[in-house]
Amino acid sequence: METAHTQALQLPGFAGAWIDQSINPALHEPDPPETAWNDPTKLVLNVQVAGDPGAAEKSLRRWWGGALCVSEAVRTERELLRIQERVQDLPDVLSSGVSTEENRLTVQVAHDDGTLQEQLDEEYGEGVVVVESLLRPAS
């Protein structure tokens, strides 16, 4: 799995990768034994690419024979990281992070009255950067 993940990072249009256990029946038991968690036969390697998911899956199958989900993303990880570099220096930005599964960038600020969100929507497209305002009106 580690080799497949390393290969995924090299795919054209790589947008993200993560592992989940959604096919593990232990997740639905009230008190599963500790050994039930992280069973490698119950792990799913998820990979997103901005491009052809079929070609990416075919490439990754050389390295991983387990559960694999390859989906299409709009933006590459590299694109999101470039945007992150640009917005991190904006006034009042406290932190930022790429959300791989949602294929977007989240930016936290102390307060946004909507102006920053509008600016970022106009510059990068609606939903590409999501502004989270830590302070909100009391009413």
N, C-alpha and C. Protein backbone atom coordinates (compact mmCIF):
# COMPACT_ATOMS: atom_id res chain seq x y z
N MET A 1 0.82 -1.19 0.00
CA MET A 1 0.00 0.00 0.00
C MET A 1 0.87 1.26 0.00
N GLU A 2 1.95 1.22 0.75
CA GLU A 2 2.84 2.38 0.79
C GLU A 2 3.44 2.66 -0.59
N THR A 3 3.80 1.61 -1.30
CA THR A 3 4.35 1.78 -2.64
C THR A 3 3.30 2.37 -3.57
N ALA A 4 2.07 1.89 -3.48
CA ALA A 4 0.99 2.43 -4.31
C ALA A 4 0.75 3.90 -3.99
N HIS A 5 0.80 4.25 -2.71
CA HIS A 5 0.62 5.65 -2.32
C HIS A 5 1.75 6.52 -2.89
N THR A 6 2.97 6.02 -2.80
CA THR A 6 4.11 6.75 -3.36
C THR A 6 3.95 6.92 -4.87
N GLN A 7 3.48 5.89 -5.55
CA GLN A 7 3.25 5.97 -6.99
C GLN A 7 2.12 6.95 -7.31
N ALA A 8 1.10 6.98 -6.46
CA ALA A 8 -0.02 7.91 -6.68
C ALA A 8 0.46 9.36 -6.67
N LEU A 9 1.40 9.66 -5.80
CA LEU A 9 1.95 11.02 -5.73
C LEU A 9 2.59 11.45 -7.05
N GLN A 10 3.02 10.49 -7.84
CA GLN A 10 3.70 10.77 -9.11
C GLN A 10 2.74 10.82 -10.30
N LEU A 11 1.47 10.49 -10.08
CA LEU A 11 0.52 10.46 -11.19
C LEU A 11 0.31 11.85 -11.79
N PRO A 12 0.15 11.94 -13.12
CA PRO A 12 -0.21 13.22 -13.71
C PRO A 12 -1.56 13.67 -13.15
N GLY A 13 -1.64 14.89 -12.70
CA GLY A 13 -2.89 15.42 -12.19
C GLY A 13 -3.22 14.97 -10.77
N PHE A 14 -2.23 14.47 -10.03
CA PHE A 14 -2.48 14.02 -8.66
C PHE A 14 -3.16 15.12 -7.86
N ALA A 15 -4.27 14.76 -7.20
CA ALA A 15 -5.02 15.73 -6.42
C ALA A 15 -5.11 15.37 -4.94
N GLY A 16 -4.83 14.13 -4.59
CA GLY A 16 -4.86 13.76 -3.19
C GLY A 16 -5.01 12.26 -3.01
N ALA A 17 -4.70 11.81 -1.79
CA ALA A 17 -4.83 10.39 -1.47
C ALA A 17 -5.06 10.25 0.03
N TRP A 18 -5.85 9.26 0.39
CA TRP A 18 -6.10 8.95 1.79
C TRP A 18 -6.55 7.50 1.90
N ILE A 19 -6.52 7.00 3.12
CA ILE A 19 -6.92 5.63 3.38
C ILE A 19 -8.13 5.65 4.30
N ASP A 20 -9.12 4.82 4.01
CA ASP A 20 -10.25 4.71 4.92
C ASP A 20 -10.56 3.24 5.18
N GLN A 21 -11.42 3.03 6.15
CA GLN A 21 -11.81 1.68 6.54
C GLN A 21 -13.30 1.46 6.35
N SER A 22 -13.89 2.13 5.40
CA SER A 22 -15.34 2.07 5.23
C SER A 22 -15.87 0.66 4.97
N ILE A 23 -15.02 -0.24 4.51
CA ILE A 23 -15.49 -1.61 4.24
C ILE A 23 -15.25 -2.54 5.43
N ASN A 24 -14.76 -1.99 6.54
CA ASN A 24 -14.47 -2.80 7.72
C ASN A 24 -15.74 -2.96 8.56
N PRO A 25 -16.27 -4.17 8.67
CA PRO A 25 -17.50 -4.36 9.44
C PRO A 25 -17.33 -4.04 10.92
N ALA A 26 -16.09 -4.01 11.42
CA ALA A 26 -15.85 -3.68 12.82
C ALA A 26 -16.32 -2.27 13.15
N LEU A 27 -16.39 -1.42 12.15
CA LEU A 27 -16.85 -0.04 12.38
C LEU A 27 -18.29 0.00 12.86
N HIS A 28 -19.04 -1.04 12.58
CA HIS A 28 -20.46 -1.07 12.92
C HIS A 28 -20.76 -1.89 14.18
N GLU A 29 -19.73 -2.43 14.80
CA GLU A 29 -19.91 -3.19 16.03
C GLU A 29 -19.85 -2.25 17.23
N PRO A 30 -20.62 -2.53 18.29
CA PRO A 30 -20.62 -1.64 19.45
C PRO A 30 -19.28 -1.56 20.17
N ASP A 31 -18.57 -2.66 20.31
CA ASP A 31 -17.29 -2.67 21.00
C ASP A 31 -16.35 -3.65 20.29
N PRO A 32 -15.83 -3.24 19.12
CA PRO A 32 -15.01 -4.17 18.35
C PRO A 32 -13.67 -4.45 19.05
N PRO A 33 -13.12 -5.63 18.85
CA PRO A 33 -11.81 -5.92 19.42
C PRO A 33 -10.76 -5.01 18.77
N GLU A 34 -9.76 -4.68 19.54
CA GLU A 34 -8.72 -3.78 19.05
C GLU A 34 -8.05 -4.31 17.79
N THR A 35 -7.95 -5.62 17.66
CA THR A 35 -7.30 -6.22 16.50
C THR A 35 -8.12 -6.04 15.22
N ALA A 36 -9.39 -5.66 15.34
CA ALA A 36 -10.24 -5.48 14.16
C ALA A 36 -9.90 -4.19 13.40
N TRP A 37 -9.30 -3.24 14.10
CA TRP A 37 -8.97 -1.97 13.47
C TRP A 37 -7.69 -2.09 12.65
N ASN A 38 -7.65 -1.35 11.57
CA ASN A 38 -6.49 -1.29 10.69
C ASN A 38 -6.11 -2.64 10.08
N ASP A 39 -7.10 -3.49 9.88
CA ASP A 39 -6.89 -4.75 9.17
C ASP A 39 -6.57 -4.39 7.71
N PRO A 40 -5.38 -4.71 7.21
CA PRO A 40 -5.01 -4.30 5.86
C PRO A 40 -5.94 -4.84 4.78
N THR A 41 -6.65 -5.92 5.06
CA THR A 41 -7.58 -6.44 4.07
C THR A 41 -8.89 -5.65 4.06
N LYS A 42 -9.04 -4.73 5.01
CA LYS A 42 -10.27 -3.93 5.11
C LYS A 42 -9.98 -2.43 4.89
N LEU A 43 -8.84 -2.13 4.30
CA LEU A 43 -8.48 -0.74 4.04
C LEU A 43 -8.75 -0.39 2.57
N VAL A 44 -9.16 0.84 2.33
CA VAL A 44 -9.40 1.33 0.98
C VAL A 44 -8.41 2.45 0.70
N LEU A 45 -7.65 2.30 -0.36
CA LEU A 45 -6.77 3.37 -0.81
C LEU A 45 -7.59 4.25 -1.75
N ASN A 46 -7.77 5.52 -1.37
CA ASN A 46 -8.51 6.49 -2.17
C ASN A 46 -7.53 7.45 -2.82
N VAL A 47 -7.70 7.66 -4.11
CA VAL A 47 -6.82 8.57 -4.85
C VAL A 47 -7.69 9.46 -5.73
N GLN A 48 -7.36 10.74 -5.75
CA GLN A 48 -8.05 11.68 -6.65
C GLN A 48 -7.05 12.21 -7.67
N VAL A 49 -7.52 12.33 -8.91
CA VAL A 49 -6.71 12.91 -9.97
C VAL A 49 -7.54 13.89 -10.78
N ALA A 50 -6.88 14.95 -11.22
CA ALA A 50 -7.50 15.86 -12.17
C ALA A 50 -7.10 15.33 -13.54
N GLY A 51 -7.95 14.52 -14.09
CA GLY A 51 -7.63 13.85 -15.34
C GLY A 51 -8.42 12.56 -15.45
N ASP A 52 -7.82 11.55 -16.02
CA ASP A 52 -8.49 10.29 -16.30
C ASP A 52 -8.35 9.32 -15.14
N PRO A 53 -9.42 9.10 -14.36
CA PRO A 53 -9.35 8.17 -13.24
C PRO A 53 -9.06 6.73 -13.69
N GLY A 54 -9.55 6.35 -14.86
CA GLY A 54 -9.33 5.00 -15.36
C GLY A 54 -7.86 4.72 -15.61
N ALA A 55 -7.17 5.68 -16.20
CA ALA A 55 -5.73 5.51 -16.44
C ALA A 55 -4.97 5.46 -15.12
N ALA A 56 -5.38 6.30 -14.18
CA ALA A 56 -4.71 6.30 -12.87
C ALA A 56 -4.92 4.96 -12.16
N GLU A 57 -6.15 4.44 -12.22
CA GLU A 57 -6.43 3.16 -11.57
C GLU A 57 -5.60 2.05 -12.21
N LYS A 58 -5.52 2.04 -13.51
CA LYS A 58 -4.74 1.02 -14.20
C LYS A 58 -3.27 1.07 -13.77
N SER A 59 -2.75 2.25 -13.65
CA SER A 59 -1.36 2.42 -13.22
C SER A 59 -1.16 1.94 -11.79
N LEU A 60 -2.08 2.29 -10.90
CA LEU A 60 -1.94 1.92 -9.49
C LEU A 60 -2.15 0.43 -9.24
N ARG A 61 -2.89 -0.23 -10.10
CA ARG A 61 -3.14 -1.67 -9.93
C ARG A 61 -1.85 -2.49 -10.01
N ARG A 62 -0.83 -1.94 -10.63
CA ARG A 62 0.46 -2.65 -10.67
C ARG A 62 1.07 -2.74 -9.27
N TRP A 63 0.65 -1.81 -8.40
CA TRP A 63 1.26 -1.72 -7.07
C TRP A 63 0.33 -2.12 -5.94
N TRP A 64 -0.96 -2.12 -6.18
CA TRP A 64 -1.93 -2.38 -5.11
C TRP A 64 -3.05 -3.25 -5.61
N GLY A 65 -3.23 -4.41 -4.98
CA GLY A 65 -4.28 -5.34 -5.37
C GLY A 65 -5.48 -5.28 -4.45
N GLY A 66 -5.42 -4.44 -3.42
CA GLY A 66 -6.53 -4.34 -2.47
C GLY A 66 -7.61 -3.37 -2.95
N ALA A 67 -8.48 -2.99 -2.02
CA ALA A 67 -9.57 -2.07 -2.35
C ALA A 67 -9.00 -0.72 -2.77
N LEU A 68 -9.47 -0.24 -3.90
CA LEU A 68 -8.95 0.99 -4.48
C LEU A 68 -10.11 1.80 -5.03
N CYS A 69 -10.14 3.07 -4.70
CA CYS A 69 -11.15 3.99 -5.25
C CYS A 69 -10.41 5.17 -5.86
N VAL A 70 -10.51 5.32 -7.17
CA VAL A 70 -9.89 6.44 -7.87
C VAL A 70 -11.00 7.32 -8.40
N SER A 71 -10.97 8.59 -8.01
CA SER A 71 -12.02 9.52 -8.42
C SER A 71 -11.41 10.75 -9.08
N GLU A 72 -12.26 11.45 -9.79
CA GLU A 72 -11.81 12.63 -10.53
C GLU A 72 -11.95 13.88 -9.66
N ALA A 73 -10.95 14.73 -9.72
CA ALA A 73 -10.95 16.01 -9.01
C ALA A 73 -10.88 17.13 -10.04
N VAL A 74 -11.26 18.31 -9.62
CA VAL A 74 -11.20 19.46 -10.52
C VAL A 74 -9.80 20.07 -10.54
N ARG A 75 -9.18 20.15 -9.36
CA ARG A 75 -7.89 20.80 -9.22
C ARG A 75 -6.84 19.82 -8.70
N THR A 76 -5.60 19.99 -9.12
CA THR A 76 -4.52 19.17 -8.61
C THR A 76 -4.10 19.68 -7.23
N GLU A 77 -3.42 18.83 -6.50
CA GLU A 77 -2.88 19.24 -5.21
C GLU A 77 -1.91 20.40 -5.39
N ARG A 78 -1.11 20.34 -6.43
CA ARG A 78 -0.14 21.41 -6.70
C ARG A 78 -0.84 22.76 -6.91
N GLU A 79 -1.97 22.75 -7.63
CA GLU A 79 -2.72 24.00 -7.83
C GLU A 79 -3.21 24.56 -6.49
N LEU A 80 -3.76 23.68 -5.66
CA LEU A 80 -4.27 24.13 -4.36
C LEU A 80 -3.14 24.65 -3.47
N LEU A 81 -1.99 24.02 -3.53
CA LEU A 81 -0.85 24.48 -2.73
C LEU A 81 -0.34 25.83 -3.21
N ARG A 82 -0.39 26.07 -4.52
CA ARG A 82 0.00 27.39 -5.05
C ARG A 82 -0.96 28.48 -4.57
N ILE A 83 -2.24 28.17 -4.60
CA ILE A 83 -3.23 29.12 -4.09
C ILE A 83 -2.99 29.37 -2.61
N GLN A 84 -2.71 28.32 -1.87
CA GLN A 84 -2.46 28.45 -0.43
C GLN A 84 -1.29 29.40 -0.17
N GLU A 85 -0.23 29.27 -0.95
CA GLU A 85 0.92 30.17 -0.79
C GLU A 85 0.51 31.62 -0.98
N ARG A 86 -0.35 31.89 -1.96
CA ARG A 86 -0.77 33.26 -2.25
C ARG A 86 -1.68 33.82 -1.16
N VAL A 87 -2.64 33.04 -0.72
CA VAL A 87 -3.62 33.58 0.24
C VAL A 87 -3.08 33.62 1.66
N GLN A 88 -2.07 32.84 1.96
CA GLN A 88 -1.52 32.82 3.32
C GLN A 88 -0.98 34.19 3.72
N ASP A 89 -0.54 34.98 2.75
CA ASP A 89 0.03 36.29 3.06
C ASP A 89 -1.01 37.41 3.07
N LEU A 90 -2.27 37.10 2.84
CA LEU A 90 -3.31 38.13 2.92
C LEU A 90 -3.47 38.59 4.36
N PRO A 91 -3.83 39.86 4.55
CA PRO A 91 -4.04 40.35 5.91
C PRO A 91 -5.12 39.53 6.63
N ASP A 92 -4.92 39.30 7.89
CA ASP A 92 -5.88 38.64 8.77
C ASP A 92 -6.01 37.13 8.59
N VAL A 93 -5.25 36.53 7.68
CA VAL A 93 -5.30 35.07 7.54
C VAL A 93 -4.52 34.45 8.69
N LEU A 94 -5.20 33.62 9.47
CA LEU A 94 -4.58 32.97 10.62
C LEU A 94 -3.98 31.62 10.25
N SER A 95 -4.70 30.87 9.41
CA SER A 95 -4.21 29.57 8.97
C SER A 95 -4.92 29.17 7.70
N SER A 96 -4.38 28.16 7.05
CA SER A 96 -5.02 27.64 5.84
C SER A 96 -4.62 26.19 5.69
N GLY A 97 -5.45 25.45 4.98
CA GLY A 97 -5.14 24.05 4.75
C GLY A 97 -5.90 23.49 3.57
N VAL A 98 -5.26 22.58 2.87
CA VAL A 98 -5.88 21.91 1.73
C VAL A 98 -6.75 20.78 2.26
N SER A 99 -7.98 20.74 1.82
CA SER A 99 -8.89 19.64 2.13
C SER A 99 -8.87 18.70 0.93
N THR A 100 -8.14 17.62 1.07
CA THR A 100 -7.94 16.69 -0.04
C THR A 100 -9.26 16.10 -0.52
N GLU A 101 -10.06 15.58 0.40
CA GLU A 101 -11.30 14.93 0.01
C GLU A 101 -12.28 15.89 -0.66
N GLU A 102 -12.27 17.14 -0.22
CA GLU A 102 -13.20 18.13 -0.80
C GLU A 102 -12.58 18.89 -1.96
N ASN A 103 -11.29 18.67 -2.21
CA ASN A 103 -10.57 19.30 -3.32
C ASN A 103 -10.71 20.82 -3.28
N ARG A 104 -10.41 21.37 -2.10
CA ARG A 104 -10.49 22.82 -1.94
C ARG A 104 -9.52 23.27 -0.85
N LEU A 105 -9.41 24.58 -0.71
CA LEU A 105 -8.57 25.18 0.31
C LEU A 105 -9.47 25.87 1.33
N THR A 106 -9.18 25.68 2.61
CA THR A 106 -9.91 26.35 3.67
C THR A 106 -8.97 27.37 4.31
N VAL A 107 -9.48 28.60 4.50
CA VAL A 107 -8.71 29.68 5.09
C VAL A 107 -9.45 30.16 6.33
N GLN A 108 -8.74 30.23 7.45
CA GLN A 108 -9.33 30.74 8.68
C GLN A 108 -8.86 32.17 8.92
N VAL A 109 -9.82 33.02 9.26
CA VAL A 109 -9.54 34.42 9.59
C VAL A 109 -10.26 34.75 10.89
N ALA A 110 -9.84 35.82 11.54
CA ALA A 110 -10.53 36.22 12.76
C ALA A 110 -11.97 36.62 12.43
N HIS A 111 -12.14 37.44 11.40
CA HIS A 111 -13.49 37.85 11.02
C HIS A 111 -13.54 38.18 9.53
N ASP A 112 -14.57 37.72 8.88
CA ASP A 112 -14.84 38.09 7.48
C ASP A 112 -16.32 38.43 7.36
N ASP A 113 -16.59 39.61 6.90
CA ASP A 113 -17.99 40.02 6.69
C ASP A 113 -18.51 39.58 5.33
N GLY A 114 -17.76 38.73 4.67
CA GLY A 114 -18.15 38.24 3.35
C GLY A 114 -17.29 38.83 2.25
N THR A 115 -16.60 39.92 2.56
CA THR A 115 -15.79 40.61 1.57
C THR A 115 -14.64 39.74 1.07
N LEU A 116 -13.91 39.10 1.99
CA LEU A 116 -12.79 38.26 1.59
C LEU A 116 -13.28 37.05 0.80
N GLN A 117 -14.38 36.44 1.23
CA GLN A 117 -14.92 35.29 0.50
C GLN A 117 -15.28 35.69 -0.93
N GLU A 118 -15.91 36.85 -1.09
CA GLU A 118 -16.27 37.33 -2.43
C GLU A 118 -15.02 37.55 -3.28
N GLN A 119 -13.99 38.14 -2.67
CA GLN A 119 -12.74 38.41 -3.39
C GLN A 119 -12.09 37.11 -3.86
N LEU A 120 -12.05 36.12 -2.98
CA LEU A 120 -11.42 34.85 -3.33
C LEU A 120 -12.26 34.05 -4.33
N ASP A 121 -13.58 34.15 -4.23
CA ASP A 121 -14.45 33.51 -5.23
C ASP A 121 -14.21 34.11 -6.60
N GLU A 122 -14.06 35.44 -6.64
CA GLU A 122 -13.85 36.12 -7.92
C GLU A 122 -12.49 35.75 -8.51
N GLU A 123 -11.48 35.65 -7.65
CA GLU A 123 -10.13 35.38 -8.14
C GLU A 123 -9.90 33.92 -8.52
N TYR A 124 -10.44 32.97 -7.71
CA TYR A 124 -10.12 31.56 -7.93
C TYR A 124 -11.31 30.70 -8.36
N GLY A 125 -12.51 31.25 -8.29
CA GLY A 125 -13.70 30.49 -8.61
C GLY A 125 -14.47 30.14 -7.35
N GLU A 126 -15.77 30.09 -7.47
CA GLU A 126 -16.62 29.83 -6.30
C GLU A 126 -16.34 28.44 -5.72
N GLY A 127 -16.11 28.41 -4.41
CA GLY A 127 -15.91 27.15 -3.71
C GLY A 127 -14.49 26.60 -3.72
N VAL A 128 -13.59 27.23 -4.45
CA VAL A 128 -12.20 26.76 -4.48
C VAL A 128 -11.52 27.07 -3.15
N VAL A 129 -11.79 28.27 -2.63
CA VAL A 129 -11.28 28.68 -1.32
C VAL A 129 -12.49 28.98 -0.45
N VAL A 130 -12.53 28.37 0.72
CA VAL A 130 -13.64 28.60 1.66
C VAL A 130 -13.08 29.35 2.85
N VAL A 131 -13.66 30.49 3.15
CA VAL A 131 -13.22 31.31 4.28
C VAL A 131 -14.04 30.93 5.50
N GLU A 132 -13.34 30.60 6.58
CA GLU A 132 -13.98 30.31 7.85
C GLU A 132 -13.67 31.46 8.79
N SER A 133 -14.71 32.17 9.19
CA SER A 133 -14.56 33.29 10.11
C SER A 133 -14.71 32.77 11.54
N LEU A 134 -13.69 32.96 12.38
CA LEU A 134 -13.76 32.49 13.74
C LEU A 134 -14.74 33.30 14.59
N LEU A 135 -14.83 34.59 14.32
CA LEU A 135 -15.78 35.45 15.03
C LEU A 135 -17.02 35.64 14.17
N ARG A 136 -18.16 35.52 14.81
CA ARG A 136 -19.44 35.69 14.11
C ARG A 136 -20.30 36.64 14.91
N PRO A 137 -21.24 37.31 14.25
CA PRO A 137 -22.13 38.19 14.98
C PRO A 137 -22.90 37.44 16.06
N ALA A 138 -23.15 38.09 17.20
CA ALA A 138 -23.85 37.46 18.32
C ALA A 138 -25.31 37.18 17.98
N SER A 139 -25.89 37.93 17.11
CA SER A 139 -27.30 37.68 16.77
C SER A 139 -27.49 37.41 15.31
